[in-house]
Amino acid sequence: MRTTTTILATLAAVSTTLAQQKGNLGFALGTKLSDGTCKYTADYEKDFDAISAASGSKLVRGYAASDCNCAQQILPAAKSKGFQVILGIWPDVDESFQADKGAIQEYANQFPEQVYAVTVGSETLYRGNFTGEELLEKIEDVKSILPSNVKIGTADSWNKYADGTADALIKSGSVDILLANAFSYWQGKEVGAGATYTYFDDLQQALGHVQELTGSLDKIEFWNGETGWPTDGGTNYGAATASTDLASEFYSQAVCGMLDWGVNVFYFEAFDEPWKPTSVGDNGAAADETHWGAMKADRSAKYSLKC
């Protein structure tokens, strides 16, 4: 078995360009307040103040630009607070695809400097909703209505980049940015007993395959699209334990370590979302999704977010 040191060395070898400087840190950000009501511009401004003060980050990502009028409300806040946003399009059903596309067409053109990128789909290949070729058609459709400076791509599970499912996107020349989600927590790995190793190894496999197909990491910008760890009150998954202390350790070791190697990371997520209902996890058991925030719903940090 390879050690974490070996994985780090491998990442450095396949990401020479990226490793010349520290990676960028961003946070996944929801559209609702703790009571489940929609956020407005003033709420996003408070979010941005908290994120910036706790971590220094100036970048967030969302999932559906029309949800709670996200694009309309978040982009003025981003402009006033010096943030950039990756807006999302949910293409799984045509109604959401068209609504999100319309919101982005209207507001991205009003705030082109605040829109860092647009992602079409979130783990839609992982769920089997589209083939790579079908998702590429959606991406190229959206690309035609974007300002020329806005990047476009998708977010999906790391293994869909590693196993060839996303090859049509990688080789197309139409995709500017790829976000690879990697949760060693959902692979049942405990902090201190394989979580960091698994996290690095997963991303190394995804990044290595992208590099192999493109011949250069300069052609497609690569991010870890999601990673995280639930804190006290969350649901355990196999050997992985929901714990604030363990989340802090994972953040300082795995997330900060990935940034140190020049790989960009989005942490899931910025704030607890107590409005979320219980969901069914990959193991078929009920799972609490309300304690994944690096910060509480009141925007106070649970542990140090500085790397």
Protein backbone atom coordinates (compact mmCIF):
# COMPACT_ATOMS: atom_id res chain seq x y z
CA MET A 1 0.00 0.00 0.00
CA ARG A 2 1.25 3.45 -0.86
CA THR A 3 1.80 5.85 1.97
CA THR A 4 0.42 9.38 2.09
CA THR A 5 3.94 10.63 1.38
CA THR A 6 3.99 8.57 -1.82
CA ILE A 7 0.63 9.96 -2.89
CA LEU A 8 1.83 13.49 -2.28
CA ALA A 9 4.88 12.81 -4.43
CA THR A 10 2.67 11.42 -7.19
CA LEU A 11 0.39 14.43 -7.05
CA ALA A 12 3.40 16.69 -7.32
CA ALA A 13 4.62 14.76 -10.37
CA VAL A 14 1.33 15.01 -12.28
CA SER A 15 0.59 18.58 -11.22
CA THR A 16 3.87 20.42 -11.66
CA THR A 17 2.12 23.49 -12.99
CA LEU A 18 -0.38 23.60 -10.15
CA ALA A 19 2.19 22.96 -7.44
CA GLN A 20 4.17 26.09 -8.23
CA GLN A 21 1.82 27.99 -5.94
CA LYS A 22 -0.63 27.21 -3.18
CA GLY A 23 -4.09 26.10 -4.23
CA ASN A 24 -7.16 28.28 -3.91
CA LEU A 25 -9.77 27.64 -1.22
CA GLY A 26 -13.50 28.03 -1.71
CA PHE A 27 -16.67 26.98 0.10
CA ALA A 28 -19.93 25.41 -1.00
CA LEU A 29 -22.72 27.77 -0.02
CA GLY A 30 -26.44 27.10 0.33
CA THR A 31 -29.27 29.38 -0.76
CA LYS A 32 -31.34 29.18 2.43
CA LEU A 33 -31.17 30.54 5.96
CA SER A 34 -31.29 28.25 8.98
CA ASP A 35 -35.11 28.29 9.00
CA GLY A 36 -35.31 27.24 5.34
CA THR A 37 -36.30 30.64 3.94
CA CYS A 38 -34.42 32.04 0.98
CA LYS A 39 -31.36 34.24 1.36
CA TYR A 40 -31.29 37.78 0.03
CA THR A 41 -28.35 39.96 -0.92
CA ALA A 42 -27.83 41.21 2.65
CA ASP A 43 -27.69 37.62 3.90
CA TYR A 44 -25.04 36.71 1.34
CA GLU A 45 -23.04 39.77 2.36
CA LYS A 46 -23.03 38.48 5.95
CA ASP A 47 -21.99 35.04 4.66
CA PHE A 48 -19.11 36.55 2.73
CA ASP A 49 -17.91 38.59 5.70
CA ALA A 50 -17.84 35.46 7.87
CA ILE A 51 -16.11 33.30 5.25
CA SER A 52 -13.47 35.92 4.53
CA ALA A 53 -12.75 36.60 8.20
CA ALA A 54 -12.50 32.92 9.15
CA SER A 55 -10.56 31.58 6.17
CA GLY A 56 -9.39 34.37 3.89
CA SER A 57 -11.34 32.79 1.03
CA LYS A 58 -13.08 34.96 -1.54
CA LEU A 59 -14.79 32.26 -3.60
CA VAL A 60 -17.98 30.20 -3.20
CA ARG A 61 -19.88 27.75 -5.34
CA GLY A 62 -23.57 27.00 -5.70
CA TYR A 63 -25.64 24.35 -7.44
CA ALA A 64 -28.71 25.90 -9.07
CA ALA A 65 -28.66 29.54 -10.17
CA SER A 66 -32.43 29.96 -10.11
CA ASP A 67 -33.01 28.33 -6.71
CA CYS A 68 -34.18 31.08 -4.33
CA ASN A 69 -33.21 33.53 -7.11
CA CYS A 70 -29.60 32.76 -6.22
CA ALA A 71 -27.88 34.47 -9.14
CA GLN A 72 -29.98 37.60 -8.72
CA GLN A 73 -29.26 37.86 -4.99
CA ILE A 74 -25.70 36.58 -4.64
CA LEU A 75 -23.92 38.44 -7.43
CA PRO A 76 -24.54 41.99 -6.09
CA ALA A 77 -23.28 40.76 -2.70
CA ALA A 78 -20.20 39.28 -4.36
CA LYS A 79 -19.50 42.59 -6.07
CA SER A 80 -19.83 44.57 -2.85
CA LYS A 81 -17.62 42.16 -0.87
CA GLY A 82 -14.97 41.35 -3.46
CA PHE A 83 -16.04 37.71 -3.93
CA GLN A 84 -16.42 35.51 -6.98
CA VAL A 85 -19.01 32.80 -7.45
CA ILE A 86 -19.26 29.54 -9.36
CA LEU A 87 -22.90 29.34 -10.39
CA GLY A 88 -24.54 25.99 -10.98
CA ILE A 89 -27.02 24.62 -13.47
CA TRP A 90 -29.11 21.57 -12.53
CA PRO A 91 -29.64 19.82 -15.88
CA ASP A 92 -31.30 16.63 -14.64
CA VAL A 93 -34.77 17.85 -15.62
CA ASP A 94 -35.50 20.35 -18.39
CA GLU A 95 -37.46 22.70 -16.12
CA SER A 96 -34.49 23.33 -13.82
CA PHE A 97 -32.05 23.38 -16.74
CA GLN A 98 -33.97 26.12 -18.51
CA ALA A 99 -34.61 28.12 -15.32
CA ASP A 100 -30.96 28.03 -14.25
CA LYS A 101 -29.76 28.78 -17.76
CA GLY A 102 -32.10 31.77 -17.95
CA ALA A 103 -30.93 33.12 -14.60
CA ILE A 104 -27.29 32.82 -15.61
CA GLN A 105 -27.89 34.39 -19.02
CA GLU A 106 -29.51 37.40 -17.37
CA TYR A 107 -27.26 37.97 -14.37
CA ALA A 108 -23.87 36.68 -15.51
CA ASN A 109 -23.95 39.32 -18.23
CA GLN A 110 -24.67 41.98 -15.60
CA PHE A 111 -21.89 40.78 -13.27
CA PRO A 112 -19.27 39.14 -15.51
CA GLU A 113 -16.40 39.88 -13.10
CA GLN A 114 -18.20 38.17 -10.21
CA VAL A 115 -18.94 34.92 -12.05
CA TYR A 116 -15.79 32.81 -11.83
CA ALA A 117 -17.32 29.86 -13.67
CA VAL A 118 -20.50 27.92 -14.37
CA THR A 119 -20.89 24.21 -13.67
CA VAL A 120 -23.50 22.25 -15.59
CA GLY A 121 -24.46 19.30 -13.43
CA SER A 122 -23.50 18.10 -9.97
CA GLU A 123 -22.64 14.38 -9.88
CA THR A 124 -25.02 13.77 -12.76
CA LEU A 125 -22.58 11.26 -14.32
CA TYR A 126 -22.27 9.51 -10.95
CA ARG A 127 -26.05 9.13 -10.79
CA GLY A 128 -26.16 7.92 -14.39
CA ASN A 129 -28.52 10.65 -15.55
CA PHE A 130 -26.38 11.47 -18.59
CA THR A 131 -23.57 9.95 -20.59
CA GLY A 132 -20.48 12.07 -21.06
CA GLU A 133 -21.60 12.92 -24.58
CA GLU A 134 -25.08 13.95 -23.41
CA LEU A 135 -23.70 16.16 -20.66
CA LEU A 136 -21.27 17.74 -23.12
CA GLU A 137 -24.24 18.82 -25.28
CA LYS A 138 -25.72 20.59 -22.25
CA ILE A 139 -22.40 22.27 -21.46
CA GLU A 140 -21.94 23.51 -25.02
CA ASP A 141 -25.51 24.82 -25.03
CA VAL A 142 -24.84 26.89 -21.89
CA LYS A 143 -21.42 28.00 -23.12
CA SER A 144 -23.05 29.72 -26.08
CA ILE A 145 -24.83 32.23 -23.81
CA LEU A 146 -21.98 33.03 -21.40
CA PRO A 147 -19.65 36.04 -21.38
CA SER A 148 -16.34 35.05 -22.97
CA ASN A 149 -14.39 35.41 -19.72
CA VAL A 150 -16.57 32.96 -17.75
CA LYS A 151 -15.27 29.39 -17.53
CA ILE A 152 -17.59 26.42 -17.95
CA GLY A 153 -17.45 22.80 -16.88
CA THR A 154 -19.06 20.36 -14.48
CA ALA A 155 -18.74 18.87 -11.01
CA ASP A 156 -18.78 15.12 -10.47
CA SER A 157 -17.44 12.32 -8.33
CA TRP A 158 -13.69 11.77 -8.65
CA ASN A 159 -14.14 8.22 -9.97
CA LYS A 160 -16.15 9.41 -12.98
CA TYR A 161 -13.05 11.29 -14.14
CA ALA A 162 -10.74 8.39 -13.33
CA ASP A 163 -12.75 5.59 -14.98
CA GLY A 164 -13.34 7.19 -18.38
CA THR A 165 -17.00 8.19 -17.92
CA ALA A 166 -16.14 11.87 -18.41
CA ASP A 167 -13.64 11.36 -21.25
CA ALA A 168 -15.90 13.04 -23.81
CA LEU A 169 -15.82 16.23 -21.72
CA ILE A 170 -12.08 16.10 -21.05
CA LYS A 171 -11.19 15.62 -24.72
CA SER A 172 -13.78 18.00 -26.16
CA GLY A 173 -11.94 21.30 -25.96
CA SER A 174 -15.20 22.87 -24.76
CA VAL A 175 -14.61 22.42 -21.03
CA ASP A 176 -12.53 24.95 -19.09
CA ILE A 177 -12.90 23.68 -15.53
CA LEU A 178 -13.59 20.34 -13.82
CA LEU A 179 -14.57 19.89 -10.18
CA ALA A 180 -13.90 16.43 -8.71
CA ASN A 181 -15.74 15.59 -5.48
CA ALA A 182 -13.86 13.37 -3.02
CA PHE A 183 -15.18 12.33 0.40
CA SER A 184 -13.11 9.74 2.22
CA TYR A 185 -15.82 10.02 4.89
CA TRP A 186 -18.33 8.41 2.51
CA GLN A 187 -15.82 5.64 1.92
CA GLY A 188 -15.90 4.82 5.63
CA LYS A 189 -12.35 5.97 6.36
CA GLU A 190 -11.63 7.38 9.79
CA VAL A 191 -9.46 10.42 10.39
CA GLY A 192 -6.03 9.15 11.41
CA ALA A 193 -6.76 5.74 9.88
CA GLY A 194 -6.84 6.21 6.13
CA ALA A 195 -9.00 9.29 5.54
CA THR A 196 -6.21 11.54 4.32
CA TYR A 197 -4.59 8.75 2.29
CA THR A 198 -7.88 7.94 0.55
CA TYR A 199 -8.64 11.60 -0.14
CA PHE A 200 -5.26 12.20 -1.78
CA ASP A 201 -5.36 8.93 -3.69
CA ASP A 202 -8.85 9.60 -5.09
CA LEU A 203 -7.89 13.02 -6.40
CA GLN A 204 -4.57 11.74 -7.72
CA GLN A 205 -6.45 9.20 -9.83
CA ALA A 206 -8.84 11.82 -11.22
CA LEU A 207 -6.14 14.41 -11.82
CA GLY A 208 -3.80 11.86 -13.35
CA HIS A 209 -6.38 10.75 -15.90
CA VAL A 210 -7.24 14.34 -16.85
CA GLN A 211 -3.54 15.06 -17.31
CA GLU A 212 -3.07 11.92 -19.38
CA LEU A 213 -5.87 12.80 -21.80
CA THR A 214 -5.06 16.50 -22.18
CA GLY A 215 -1.28 16.24 -22.05
CA SER A 216 -1.25 19.43 -19.99
CA LEU A 217 -3.06 20.62 -16.89
CA ASP A 218 -3.08 24.11 -18.38
CA LYS A 219 -5.87 23.07 -20.73
CA ILE A 220 -8.44 22.33 -18.02
CA GLU A 221 -8.53 23.94 -14.58
CA PHE A 222 -8.87 21.26 -11.90
CA TRP A 223 -10.54 21.63 -8.51
CA ASN A 224 -11.52 19.34 -5.70
CA GLY A 225 -15.20 20.27 -6.00
CA GLU A 226 -16.29 19.00 -2.60
CA THR A 227 -14.75 17.44 0.46
CA GLY A 228 -15.67 17.70 4.10
CA TRP A 229 -16.40 16.04 7.42
CA PRO A 230 -19.52 16.19 9.62
CA THR A 231 -19.14 17.62 13.11
CA ASP A 232 -20.76 16.76 16.46
CA GLY A 233 -24.39 15.80 15.94
CA GLY A 234 -23.84 14.35 12.48
CA THR A 235 -24.23 10.74 11.38
CA ASN A 236 -21.42 8.19 11.47
CA TYR A 237 -20.70 6.20 8.30
CA GLY A 238 -18.99 2.88 8.86
CA ALA A 239 -15.71 3.55 10.63
CA ALA A 240 -15.96 7.28 9.88
CA THR A 241 -17.07 9.24 12.95
CA ALA A 242 -18.91 12.54 12.93
CA SER A 243 -16.92 14.75 15.29
CA THR A 244 -15.92 18.40 15.48
CA ASP A 245 -12.42 17.46 16.64
CA LEU A 246 -12.02 14.99 13.78
CA ALA A 247 -13.40 17.50 11.28
CA SER A 248 -10.81 19.98 12.48
CA GLU A 249 -8.07 17.38 12.08
CA PHE A 250 -9.24 16.42 8.60
CA TYR A 251 -9.36 20.07 7.57
CA SER A 252 -5.85 20.85 8.86
CA GLN A 253 -4.26 17.68 7.50
CA ALA A 254 -6.11 16.82 4.31
CA VAL A 255 -7.59 20.10 3.07
CA CYS A 256 -4.64 22.28 4.01
CA GLY A 257 -2.29 19.58 2.71
CA MET A 258 -4.04 19.53 -0.65
CA LEU A 259 -3.84 23.32 -0.88
CA ASP A 260 -0.12 23.18 -0.05
CA TRP A 261 0.36 20.93 -3.08
CA GLY A 262 -1.23 23.48 -5.36
CA VAL A 263 -4.60 21.79 -5.82
CA ASN A 264 -7.72 23.98 -5.54
CA VAL A 265 -10.31 22.88 -2.96
CA PHE A 266 -13.96 23.63 -2.29
CA TYR A 267 -14.93 22.67 1.24
CA PHE A 268 -18.43 21.30 1.80
CA GLU A 269 -19.81 23.33 3.28
CA ALA A 270 -19.54 26.85 4.65
CA PHE A 271 -22.39 26.76 7.19
CA ASP A 272 -24.62 24.21 8.91
CA GLU A 273 -28.04 23.94 7.28
CA PRO A 274 -30.46 22.91 10.06
CA TRP A 275 -33.45 23.15 7.70
CA LYS A 276 -32.35 20.07 5.74
CA PRO A 277 -34.43 16.92 6.27
CA THR A 278 -32.90 13.56 7.12
CA SER A 279 -31.81 11.72 3.99
CA VAL A 280 -30.90 8.13 3.17
CA GLY A 281 -27.16 7.57 2.85
CA ASP A 282 -25.30 5.27 0.47
CA ASN A 283 -25.59 2.46 3.03
CA GLY A 284 -29.39 2.72 3.12
CA ALA A 285 -29.46 4.19 6.62
CA ALA A 286 -30.91 7.55 7.64
CA ALA A 287 -28.25 10.27 7.54
CA ASP A 288 -28.20 13.72 9.13
CA GLU A 289 -26.99 16.42 6.72
CA THR A 290 -27.35 19.41 9.01
CA HIS A 291 -23.88 19.38 10.61
CA TRP A 292 -21.48 19.54 7.65
CA GLY A 293 -20.65 23.22 8.01
CA ALA A 294 -17.18 24.47 8.83
CA MET A 295 -19.17 27.16 10.61
CA LYS A 296 -22.40 27.04 12.59
CA ALA A 297 -25.64 28.46 11.24
CA ASP A 298 -24.90 31.65 13.21
CA ARG A 299 -21.73 31.99 11.08
CA SER A 300 -19.27 31.32 13.92
CA ALA A 301 -16.35 29.03 13.02
CA LYS A 302 -16.26 25.61 14.69
CA TYR A 303 -12.46 25.35 14.38
CA SER A 304 -9.59 27.14 12.69
CA LEU A 305 -10.10 27.54 8.94
CA LYS A 306 -6.73 29.13 8.25
CA CYS A 307 -4.15 27.02 6.40
